[in-house]
Amino acid sequence: MLSYIFTCSDALLCCCIPLIQSVRNPACTESATMLNVSRSTLCLGARRLHTTTRRLSDSVLRADEHDALDKWVRTPPVHHTADPLTVQHTGDLYVTLPTRDGTHTEFQAPETGEPLPYGHHLAFFGARRPEPLLRADGTDEDISPPAPFTKRMWVGGKVRWNPDAILRIGQPATAKSTLLSVDKKGWDKGKPMLFVNQRLEIQQSDHTVPVIVEDRAHVYFHAGIFANRKKVFDRPGKQVIANCDPAKQGQSRESLQRSTFRSSIPQHQ
C-alpha cells in the first residue's frame, strides 16, 4: 500500500488536494526510563491521581453526560456512506479547482471509467444531513462523541492508496467509517479533551479489498469550557495587504511559480 500523510482543516478538505505529499517511512526509535520507587509510594500516588481526576471531571460533566460518553466508547458507532462518483460531480470539481494538481492545463471533462486522481475522494462521501441537524460548527455527528464534546479540531491524518485497486469515476463506491481509538486527556486539570482516531475505508463493487484507507485524527473539546477561552481571532492582527498582485509587490511570476508547492504524487498511467 502506498502511504501518504496530510494535514488540513476540515472546512477546506477539497482545497487540500495539492497539499498531499508522499513521505518515507521514518526510522522509529523507542526509549524507556526506569524509575525505582517503593510500592507504597506508587500506590499512594495512584490513589491521589484517581481521586483528583474523578473530582475535576465530575465537576464539569453531569451524570447523564458521563453515561452517554461511556456508552459511546463501549459501543462505538459505525457509519456507511454511498456515492456514485458521477462524472458530473467530478467535472464540477475540475472546473472549481483547475490547479488542484499543481498544473495549469486546459479543462478536460472526465469520462466514466477513468481513475479518480489522488486525493479527489475528499470531495465525495459528504454528510447526508440537513443543515438544522448539523452541529453548531457545521459538522455532522454520525461518528462524533456526544455532547458536551462538540468543539472539534483537526489534528492530522494519513491516506493509503491500494496500487492494485484504483477508484474509478462513474462507478458506485461505499465508505465505511469506524473508530480506532479514543484517548482522554486533560481530565485531571478540569479541561477534558477526547482525541479520536477514525478510519475511513472506501471500496468499489469490483474489488474485494478497500481501494483507499484514510485515518483521520480529531480532538474534541468540552464546548462549555472552551467557549470562554480567548479566541485566536481576538488577537490584534497585522495590516492586510489590499493588493496581492505579485507583479506589483516586487515578485515576478517566475519566482511565484518556483515557490508554489507541487504535489509529488505520481499520476495514474
C-alpha atoms as a PDB file:
ATOM      1  CA  MET A   1       0.000   0.000   0.000  1.00  0.00           C
ATOM      2  CA  LEU A   2       1.255   3.480  -0.852  1.00  0.00           C
ATOM      3  CA  SER A   3       1.345   5.682   2.218  1.00  0.00           C
ATOM      4  CA  TYR A   4       0.900   9.465   2.356  1.00  0.00           C
ATOM      5  CA  ILE A   5       0.323  11.952   5.147  1.00  0.00           C
ATOM      6  CA  PHE A   6      -1.598  15.224   5.050  1.00  0.00           C
ATOM      7  CA  THR A   7      -2.772  17.897   7.468  1.00  0.00           C
ATOM      8  CA  CYS A   8      -5.522  20.391   6.731  1.00  0.00           C
ATOM      9  CA  SER A   9      -8.702  21.982   8.034  1.00  0.00           C
ATOM     10  CA  ASP A  10     -11.942  20.055   7.688  1.00  0.00           C
ATOM     11  CA  ALA A  11     -13.609  23.073   6.167  1.00  0.00           C
ATOM     12  CA  LEU A  12     -11.094  23.087   3.271  1.00  0.00           C
ATOM     13  CA  LEU A  13     -10.772  19.384   2.559  1.00  0.00           C
ATOM     14  CA  CYS A  14     -11.455  19.846  -1.143  1.00  0.00           C
ATOM     15  CA  CYS A  15      -8.773  22.528  -1.349  1.00  0.00           C
ATOM     16  CA  CYS A  16      -6.062  20.397   0.287  1.00  0.00           C
ATOM     17  CA  ILE A  17      -5.727  18.015  -2.652  1.00  0.00           C
ATOM     18  CA  PRO A  18      -2.490  19.598  -3.966  1.00  0.00           C
ATOM     19  CA  LEU A  19      -1.047  19.627  -0.439  1.00  0.00           C
ATOM     20  CA  ILE A  20      -0.922  15.850  -0.127  1.00  0.00           C
ATOM     21  CA  GLN A  21       2.673  14.674  -0.297  1.00  0.00           C
ATOM     22  CA  SER A  22       4.408  11.340  -0.129  1.00  0.00           C
ATOM     23  CA  VAL A  23       6.629  10.515   2.810  1.00  0.00           C
ATOM     24  CA  ARG A  24       9.174   7.860   3.570  1.00  0.00           C
ATOM     25  CA  ASN A  25       8.825   5.544   6.494  1.00  0.00           C
ATOM     26  CA  PRO A  26      10.874   7.165   9.286  1.00  0.00           C
ATOM     27  CA  ALA A  27      13.060   5.041  11.421  1.00  0.00           C
ATOM     28  CA  CYS A  28      11.296   4.504  14.683  1.00  0.00           C
ATOM     29  CA  THR A  29      13.216   4.827  17.912  1.00  0.00           C
ATOM     30  CA  GLU A  30      11.988   3.970  21.342  1.00  0.00           C
ATOM     31  CA  SER A  31      13.457   4.836  24.692  1.00  0.00           C
ATOM     32  CA  ALA A  32      12.471   3.914  28.196  1.00  0.00           C
ATOM     33  CA  THR A  33      13.387   5.275  31.592  1.00  0.00           C
ATOM     34  CA  MET A  34      13.342   3.045  34.634  1.00  0.00           C
ATOM     35  CA  LEU A  35      12.340   4.620  37.925  1.00  0.00           C
ATOM     36  CA  ASN A  36      12.875   2.842  41.226  1.00  0.00           C
ATOM     37  CA  VAL A  37      10.024   3.692  43.569  1.00  0.00           C
ATOM     38  CA  SER A  38       8.614   1.877  46.537  1.00  0.00           C
ATOM     39  CA  ARG A  39       5.351   0.049  46.211  1.00  0.00           C
ATOM     40  CA  SER A  40       3.725   2.120  48.943  1.00  0.00           C
ATOM     41  CA  THR A  41       4.665   5.405  47.235  1.00  0.00           C
ATOM     42  CA  LEU A  42       3.308   4.192  43.879  1.00  0.00           C
ATOM     43  CA  CYS A  43       0.002   3.098  45.385  1.00  0.00           C
ATOM     44  CA  LEU A  44      -0.368   6.368  47.281  1.00  0.00           C
ATOM     45  CA  GLY A  45       0.256   8.405  44.127  1.00  0.00           C
ATOM     46  CA  ALA A  46      -2.227   6.320  42.161  1.00  0.00           C
ATOM     47  CA  ARG A  47      -4.938   6.869  44.791  1.00  0.00           C
ATOM     48  CA  ARG A  48      -4.328  10.621  44.803  1.00  0.00           C
ATOM     49  CA  LEU A  49      -4.396  10.797  40.993  1.00  0.00           C
ATOM     50  CA  HIS A  50      -7.621   8.779  40.839  1.00  0.00           C
ATOM     51  CA  THR A  51      -9.278  10.995  43.439  1.00  0.00           C
ATOM     52  CA  THR A  52      -8.195  14.221  41.732  1.00  0.00           C
ATOM     53  CA  THR A  53      -9.257  13.030  38.285  1.00  0.00           C
ATOM     54  CA  ARG A  54     -12.679  11.976  39.467  1.00  0.00           C
ATOM     55  CA  ARG A  55     -13.248  15.211  41.378  1.00  0.00           C
ATOM     56  CA  LEU A  56     -12.323  17.505  38.472  1.00  0.00           C
ATOM     57  CA  SER A  57     -14.003  15.508  35.721  1.00  0.00           C
ATOM     58  CA  ASP A  58     -17.207  15.065  37.713  1.00  0.00           C
ATOM     59  CA  SER A  59     -17.363  18.818  38.262  1.00  0.00           C
ATOM     60  CA  VAL A  60     -17.609  19.514  34.515  1.00  0.00           C
ATOM     61  CA  LEU A  61     -19.738  16.559  33.370  1.00  0.00           C
ATOM     62  CA  ARG A  62     -23.212  15.708  34.551  1.00  0.00           C
ATOM     63  CA  ALA A  63     -24.193  12.121  35.331  1.00  0.00           C
ATOM     64  CA  ASP A  64     -26.149  11.762  32.077  1.00  0.00           C
ATOM     65  CA  GLU A  65     -23.191  13.129  30.104  1.00  0.00           C
ATOM     66  CA  HIS A  66     -20.894  10.585  31.760  1.00  0.00           C
ATOM     67  CA  ASP A  67     -23.320   7.782  30.892  1.00  0.00           C
ATOM     68  CA  ALA A  68     -23.660   8.913  27.263  1.00  0.00           C
ATOM     69  CA  LEU A  69     -19.889   9.117  26.824  1.00  0.00           C
ATOM     70  CA  ASP A  70     -19.293   5.714  28.406  1.00  0.00           C
ATOM     71  CA  LYS A  71     -21.921   4.165  26.131  1.00  0.00           C
ATOM     72  CA  TRP A  72     -20.351   5.797  23.060  1.00  0.00           C
ATOM     73  CA  VAL A  73     -16.920   4.390  23.995  1.00  0.00           C
ATOM     74  CA  ARG A  74     -18.248   0.888  24.797  1.00  0.00           C
ATOM     75  CA  THR A  75     -20.322   0.643  21.603  1.00  0.00           C
ATOM     76  CA  PRO A  76     -18.585   2.889  19.054  1.00  0.00           C
ATOM     77  CA  PRO A  77     -20.660   3.892  16.040  1.00  0.00           C
ATOM     78  CA  VAL A  78     -20.103   2.617  12.509  1.00  0.00           C
ATOM     79  CA  HIS A  79     -21.221   4.823   9.641  1.00  0.00           C
ATOM     80  CA  HIS A  80     -21.709   3.890   5.968  1.00  0.00           C
ATOM     81  CA  THR A  81     -21.978   6.341   3.069  1.00  0.00           C
ATOM     82  CA  ALA A  82     -22.572   5.555  -0.596  1.00  0.00           C
ATOM     83  CA  ASP A  83     -21.551   7.772  -3.502  1.00  0.00           C
ATOM     84  CA  PRO A  84     -21.955   7.164  -7.258  1.00  0.00           C
ATOM     85  CA  LEU A  85     -18.802   9.212  -8.070  1.00  0.00           C
ATOM     86  CA  THR A  86     -20.677  10.715 -11.002  1.00  0.00           C
ATOM     87  CA  VAL A  87     -18.972  12.288 -13.980  1.00  0.00           C
ATOM     88  CA  GLN A  88     -20.948  15.484 -13.351  1.00  0.00           C
ATOM     89  CA  HIS A  89     -19.724  15.844  -9.758  1.00  0.00           C
ATOM     90  CA  THR A  90     -16.147  15.137 -10.785  1.00  0.00           C
ATOM     91  CA  GLY A  91     -16.414  17.640 -13.612  1.00  0.00           C
ATOM     92  CA  ASP A  92     -17.654  20.284 -11.169  1.00  0.00           C
ATOM     93  CA  LEU A  93     -14.554  19.651  -9.068  1.00  0.00           C
ATOM     94  CA  TYR A  94     -12.283  20.031 -12.099  1.00  0.00           C
ATOM     95  CA  VAL A  95     -13.925  23.338 -13.001  1.00  0.00           C
ATOM     96  CA  THR A  96     -13.867  24.694  -9.449  1.00  0.00           C
ATOM     97  CA  LEU A  97     -10.225  23.771  -8.781  1.00  0.00           C
ATOM     98  CA  PRO A  98      -8.440  23.885 -12.155  1.00  0.00           C
ATOM     99  CA  THR A  99      -5.000  23.965 -10.482  1.00  0.00           C
ATOM    100  CA  ARG A 100      -5.783  21.242  -7.933  1.00  0.00           C
ATOM    101  CA  ASP A 101      -2.868  19.041  -9.130  1.00  0.00           C
ATOM    102  CA  GLY A 102      -0.332  21.885  -9.303  1.00  0.00           C
ATOM    103  CA  THR A 103      -0.628  22.381 -13.064  1.00  0.00           C
ATOM    104  CA  HIS A 104      -2.384  24.894 -15.301  1.00  0.00           C
ATOM    105  CA  THR A 105      -3.604  22.538 -18.038  1.00  0.00           C
ATOM    106  CA  GLU A 106      -6.762  23.198 -20.015  1.00  0.00           C
ATOM    107  CA  PHE A 107     -10.011  21.767 -18.741  1.00  0.00           C
ATOM    108  CA  GLN A 108     -10.787  18.245 -19.903  1.00  0.00           C
ATOM    109  CA  ALA A 109     -14.132  16.739 -18.962  1.00  0.00           C
ATOM    110  CA  PRO A 110     -13.801  13.450 -17.054  1.00  0.00           C
ATOM    111  CA  GLU A 111     -15.178  10.258 -18.518  1.00  0.00           C
ATOM    112  CA  THR A 112     -16.701   7.158 -16.974  1.00  0.00           C
ATOM    113  CA  GLY A 113     -14.112   4.549 -16.044  1.00  0.00           C
ATOM    114  CA  GLU A 114     -11.205   6.942 -15.723  1.00  0.00           C
ATOM    115  CA  PRO A 115      -9.171   6.726 -12.499  1.00  0.00           C
ATOM    116  CA  LEU A 116     -10.176   9.269  -9.885  1.00  0.00           C
ATOM    117  CA  PRO A 117      -6.967  11.250  -9.223  1.00  0.00           C
ATOM    118  CA  TYR A 118      -5.212  11.052  -5.880  1.00  0.00           C
ATOM    119  CA  GLY A 119      -6.907  12.943  -3.075  1.00  0.00           C
ATOM    120  CA  HIS A 120     -10.056  13.721  -5.051  1.00  0.00           C
ATOM    121  CA  HIS A 121     -12.111  11.362  -2.878  1.00  0.00           C
ATOM    122  CA  LEU A 122     -12.182  14.193  -0.309  1.00  0.00           C
ATOM    123  CA  ALA A 123     -14.844  15.913  -2.418  1.00  0.00           C
ATOM    124  CA  PHE A 124     -17.161  12.895  -2.138  1.00  0.00           C
ATOM    125  CA  PHE A 125     -18.886  10.936   0.646  1.00  0.00           C
ATOM    126  CA  GLY A 126     -20.143  14.083   2.359  1.00  0.00           C
ATOM    127  CA  ALA A 127     -22.558  14.221   5.264  1.00  0.00           C
ATOM    128  CA  ARG A 128     -26.142  13.360   4.350  1.00  0.00           C
ATOM    129  CA  ARG A 129     -27.805  15.548   6.958  1.00  0.00           C
ATOM    130  CA  PRO A 130     -29.945  18.669   6.529  1.00  0.00           C
ATOM    131  CA  GLU A 131     -28.440  21.830   7.957  1.00  0.00           C
ATOM    132  CA  PRO A 132     -30.717  22.005  11.045  1.00  0.00           C
ATOM    133  CA  LEU A 133     -29.368  18.597  12.132  1.00  0.00           C
ATOM    134  CA  LEU A 134     -25.715  19.623  11.901  1.00  0.00           C
ATOM    135  CA  ARG A 135     -23.795  20.779  14.932  1.00  0.00           C
ATOM    136  CA  ALA A 136     -23.146  24.441  15.643  1.00  0.00           C
ATOM    137  CA  ASP A 137     -19.756  24.281  13.888  1.00  0.00           C
ATOM    138  CA  GLY A 138     -21.329  22.779  10.757  1.00  0.00           C
ATOM    139  CA  THR A 139     -20.046  19.227  11.285  1.00  0.00           C
ATOM    140  CA  ASP A 140     -22.116  16.057  11.411  1.00  0.00           C
ATOM    141  CA  GLU A 141     -22.375  13.855  14.485  1.00  0.00           C
ATOM    142  CA  ASP A 142     -22.592  10.466  12.798  1.00  0.00           C
ATOM    143  CA  ILE A 143     -19.364   9.255  14.396  1.00  0.00           C
ATOM    144  CA  SER A 144     -18.618  12.087  16.839  1.00  0.00           C
ATOM    145  CA  PRO A 145     -18.741  11.833  20.645  1.00  0.00           C
ATOM    146  CA  PRO A 146     -21.885  13.059  22.410  1.00  0.00           C
ATOM    147  CA  ALA A 147     -22.355  16.474  23.991  1.00  0.00           C
ATOM    148  CA  PRO A 148     -20.742  18.424  25.529  1.00  0.00           C
ATOM    149  CA  PHE A 149     -17.769  17.387  23.329  1.00  0.00           C
ATOM    150  CA  THR A 150     -18.948  19.322  20.304  1.00  0.00           C
ATOM    151  CA  LYS A 151     -15.939  21.583  19.597  1.00  0.00           C
ATOM    152  CA  ARG A 152     -13.898  19.701  17.010  1.00  0.00           C
ATOM    153  CA  MET A 153     -10.430  20.482  15.716  1.00  0.00           C
ATOM    154  CA  TRP A 154      -8.450  18.691  13.031  1.00  0.00           C
ATOM    155  CA  VAL A 155      -5.221  17.051  14.217  1.00  0.00           C
ATOM    156  CA  GLY A 156      -3.880  15.148  11.221  1.00  0.00           C
ATOM    157  CA  GLY A 157      -4.312  12.126   9.023  1.00  0.00           C
ATOM    158  CA  LYS A 158      -2.835   9.521   6.733  1.00  0.00           C
ATOM    159  CA  VAL A 159      -4.061   8.167   3.391  1.00  0.00           C
ATOM    160  CA  ARG A 160      -3.054   4.853   1.812  1.00  0.00           C
ATOM    161  CA  TRP A 161      -3.896   4.045  -1.795  1.00  0.00           C
ATOM    162  CA  ASN A 162      -4.065   0.440  -2.917  1.00  0.00           C
ATOM    163  CA  PRO A 163      -1.863   0.176  -6.047  1.00  0.00           C
ATOM    164  CA  ASP A 164      -3.791  -2.906  -7.185  1.00  0.00           C
ATOM    165  CA  ALA A 165      -7.269  -1.379  -6.855  1.00  0.00           C
ATOM    166  CA  ILE A 166      -7.987   2.029  -8.403  1.00  0.00           C
ATOM    167  CA  LEU A 167     -11.025   4.173  -7.598  1.00  0.00           C
ATOM    168  CA  ARG A 168     -12.774   4.894 -10.890  1.00  0.00           C
ATOM    169  CA  ILE A 169     -15.132   7.678 -11.941  1.00  0.00           C
ATOM    170  CA  GLY A 170     -18.763   6.785 -12.585  1.00  0.00           C
ATOM    171  CA  GLN A 171     -18.707   3.561 -10.562  1.00  0.00           C
ATOM    172  CA  PRO A 172     -20.625   3.432  -7.250  1.00  0.00           C
ATOM    173  CA  ALA A 173     -18.479   3.255  -4.118  1.00  0.00           C
ATOM    174  CA  THR A 174     -19.076   2.960  -0.383  1.00  0.00           C
ATOM    175  CA  ALA A 175     -17.216   4.484   2.551  1.00  0.00           C
ATOM    176  CA  LYS A 176     -17.177   2.835   5.965  1.00  0.00           C
ATOM    177  CA  SER A 177     -16.219   4.953   8.993  1.00  0.00           C
ATOM    178  CA  THR A 178     -15.120   3.310  12.246  1.00  0.00           C
ATOM    179  CA  LEU A 179     -13.338   4.357  15.434  1.00  0.00           C
ATOM    180  CA  LEU A 180      -9.798   3.124  16.004  1.00  0.00           C
ATOM    181  CA  SER A 181      -9.163   4.634  19.436  1.00  0.00           C
ATOM    182  CA  VAL A 182     -10.358   7.241  21.920  1.00  0.00           C
ATOM    183  CA  ASP A 183      -7.862   8.869  24.308  1.00  0.00           C
ATOM    184  CA  LYS A 184      -8.871  11.081  27.220  1.00  0.00           C
ATOM    185  CA  LYS A 185      -6.555  13.974  28.055  1.00  0.00           C
ATOM    186  CA  GLY A 186      -6.752  16.991  30.329  1.00  0.00           C
ATOM    187  CA  TRP A 187      -9.299  15.419  32.653  1.00  0.00           C
ATOM    188  CA  ASP A 188      -7.031  15.762  35.686  1.00  0.00           C
ATOM    189  CA  LYS A 189      -6.832  19.527  35.011  1.00  0.00           C
ATOM    190  CA  GLY A 190     -10.555  20.101  34.633  1.00  0.00           C
ATOM    191  CA  LYS A 191     -10.216  20.581  30.852  1.00  0.00           C
ATOM    192  CA  PRO A 192     -11.362  17.263  29.390  1.00  0.00           C
ATOM    193  CA  MET A 193     -10.463  16.520  25.782  1.00  0.00           C
ATOM    194  CA  LEU A 194     -11.093  13.487  23.588  1.00  0.00           C
ATOM    195  CA  PHE A 195      -8.533  12.516  20.955  1.00  0.00           C
ATOM    196  CA  VAL A 196     -10.434  10.395  18.452  1.00  0.00           C
ATOM    197  CA  ASN A 197      -8.816   8.347  15.684  1.00  0.00           C
ATOM    198  CA  GLN A 198     -11.189   7.449  12.877  1.00  0.00           C
ATOM    199  CA  ARG A 199     -10.671   5.132   9.910  1.00  0.00           C
ATOM    200  CA  LEU A 200     -12.388   5.577   6.554  1.00  0.00           C
ATOM    201  CA  GLU A 201     -12.347   2.626   4.139  1.00  0.00           C
ATOM    202  CA  ILE A 202     -13.525   3.245   0.572  1.00  0.00           C
ATOM    203  CA  GLN A 203     -14.429   0.288  -1.609  1.00  0.00           C
ATOM    204  CA  GLN A 204     -15.972  -0.324  -5.030  1.00  0.00           C
ATOM    205  CA  SER A 205     -18.023  -3.337  -6.002  1.00  0.00           C
ATOM    206  CA  ASP A 206     -15.419  -4.787  -8.368  1.00  0.00           C
ATOM    207  CA  HIS A 207     -12.800  -5.016  -5.577  1.00  0.00           C
ATOM    208  CA  THR A 208     -12.784  -7.251  -2.517  1.00  0.00           C
ATOM    209  CA  VAL A 209     -10.366  -5.014  -0.605  1.00  0.00           C
ATOM    210  CA  PRO A 210     -10.526  -1.288   0.178  1.00  0.00           C
ATOM    211  CA  VAL A 211      -9.308   0.989  -2.584  1.00  0.00           C
ATOM    212  CA  ILE A 212      -8.440   3.794  -0.153  1.00  0.00           C
ATOM    213  CA  VAL A 213      -7.810   3.631   3.586  1.00  0.00           C
ATOM    214  CA  GLU A 214      -7.742   7.002   5.335  1.00  0.00           C
ATOM    215  CA  ASP A 215      -7.041   7.619   9.019  1.00  0.00           C
ATOM    216  CA  ARG A 216      -8.303  10.872  10.498  1.00  0.00           C
ATOM    217  CA  ALA A 217      -7.449  12.291  13.925  1.00  0.00           C
ATOM    218  CA  HIS A 218      -9.586  14.914  15.682  1.00  0.00           C
ATOM    219  CA  VAL A 219      -9.624  16.418  19.142  1.00  0.00           C
ATOM    220  CA  TYR A 220     -12.993  17.194  20.707  1.00  0.00           C
ATOM    221  CA  PHE A 221     -13.199  19.889  23.369  1.00  0.00           C
ATOM    222  CA  HIS A 222     -15.787  20.464  26.053  1.00  0.00           C
ATOM    223  CA  ALA A 223     -17.878  23.203  24.408  1.00  0.00           C
ATOM    224  CA  GLY A 224     -18.838  24.901  27.661  1.00  0.00           C
ATOM    225  CA  ILE A 225     -15.273  25.190  28.952  1.00  0.00           C
ATOM    226  CA  PHE A 226     -13.547  26.241  25.740  1.00  0.00           C
ATOM    227  CA  ALA A 227     -16.263  28.752  24.819  1.00  0.00           C
ATOM    228  CA  ASN A 228     -14.869  31.071  27.495  1.00  0.00           C
ATOM    229  CA  ARG A 229     -11.270  30.858  26.316  1.00  0.00           C
ATOM    230  CA  LYS A 230      -9.724  33.725  24.392  1.00  0.00           C
ATOM    231  CA  LYS A 231     -10.006  33.049  20.690  1.00  0.00           C
ATOM    232  CA  VAL A 232      -7.149  33.307  18.244  1.00  0.00           C
ATOM    233  CA  PHE A 233      -9.264  35.698  16.207  1.00  0.00           C
ATOM    234  CA  ASP A 234      -9.380  38.107  19.158  1.00  0.00           C
ATOM    235  CA  ARG A 235      -5.681  38.816  18.835  1.00  0.00           C
ATOM    236  CA  PRO A 236      -4.640  42.015  17.032  1.00  0.00           C
ATOM    237  CA  GLY A 237      -3.555  41.108  13.528  1.00  0.00           C
ATOM    238  CA  LYS A 238      -1.179  42.695  11.077  1.00  0.00           C
ATOM    239  CA  GLN A 239      -2.460  45.005   8.382  1.00  0.00           C
ATOM    240  CA  VAL A 240      -3.779  43.065   5.409  1.00  0.00           C
ATOM    241  CA  ILE A 241      -2.273  43.981   2.066  1.00  0.00           C
ATOM    242  CA  ALA A 242      -5.088  45.215  -0.139  1.00  0.00           C
ATOM    243  CA  ASN A 243      -3.348  44.491  -3.430  1.00  0.00           C
ATOM    244  CA  CYS A 244      -1.877  40.990  -3.589  1.00  0.00           C
ATOM    245  CA  ASP A 245      -0.756  41.156  -7.213  1.00  0.00           C
ATOM    246  CA  PRO A 246       2.803  39.702  -7.093  1.00  0.00           C
ATOM    247  CA  ALA A 247       3.840  41.842 -10.064  1.00  0.00           C
ATOM    248  CA  LYS A 248       3.010  45.000  -8.084  1.00  0.00           C
ATOM    249  CA  GLN A 249       4.587  43.653  -4.898  1.00  0.00           C
ATOM    250  CA  GLY A 250       8.007  43.189  -6.496  1.00  0.00           C
ATOM    251  CA  GLN A 251       7.658  39.435  -7.027  1.00  0.00           C
ATOM    252  CA  SER A 252       7.938  38.087 -10.548  1.00  0.00           C
ATOM    253  CA  ARG A 253       5.676  35.404 -11.955  1.00  0.00           C
ATOM    254  CA  GLU A 254       8.679  33.075 -12.304  1.00  0.00           C
ATOM    255  CA  SER A 255       9.600  33.333  -8.623  1.00  0.00           C
ATOM    256  CA  LEU A 256       5.981  32.803  -7.653  1.00  0.00           C
ATOM    257  CA  GLN A 257       5.813  29.624  -9.699  1.00  0.00           C
ATOM    258  CA  ARG A 258       9.060  28.354  -8.185  1.00  0.00           C
ATOM    259  CA  SER A 259       7.701  28.905  -4.674  1.00  0.00           C
ATOM    260  CA  THR A 260       4.379  27.216  -5.405  1.00  0.00           C
ATOM    261  CA  PHE A 261       4.091  23.738  -3.898  1.00  0.00           C
ATOM    262  CA  ARG A 262       3.670  20.964  -6.417  1.00  0.00           C
ATOM    263  CA  SER A 263       2.399  17.552  -5.434  1.00  0.00           C
ATOM    264  CA  SER A 264       4.920  14.751  -5.565  1.00  0.00           C
ATOM    265  CA  ILE A 265       2.272  12.063  -6.006  1.00  0.00           C
ATOM    266  CA  PRO A 266       2.714  10.268  -9.338  1.00  0.00           C
ATOM    267  CA  GLN A 267      -0.115  10.406 -11.852  1.00  0.00           C
ATOM    268  CA  HIS A 268      -2.135   7.371 -12.888  1.00  0.00           C
ATOM    269  CA  GLN A 269      -0.963   5.694 -16.032  1.00  0.00           C
END
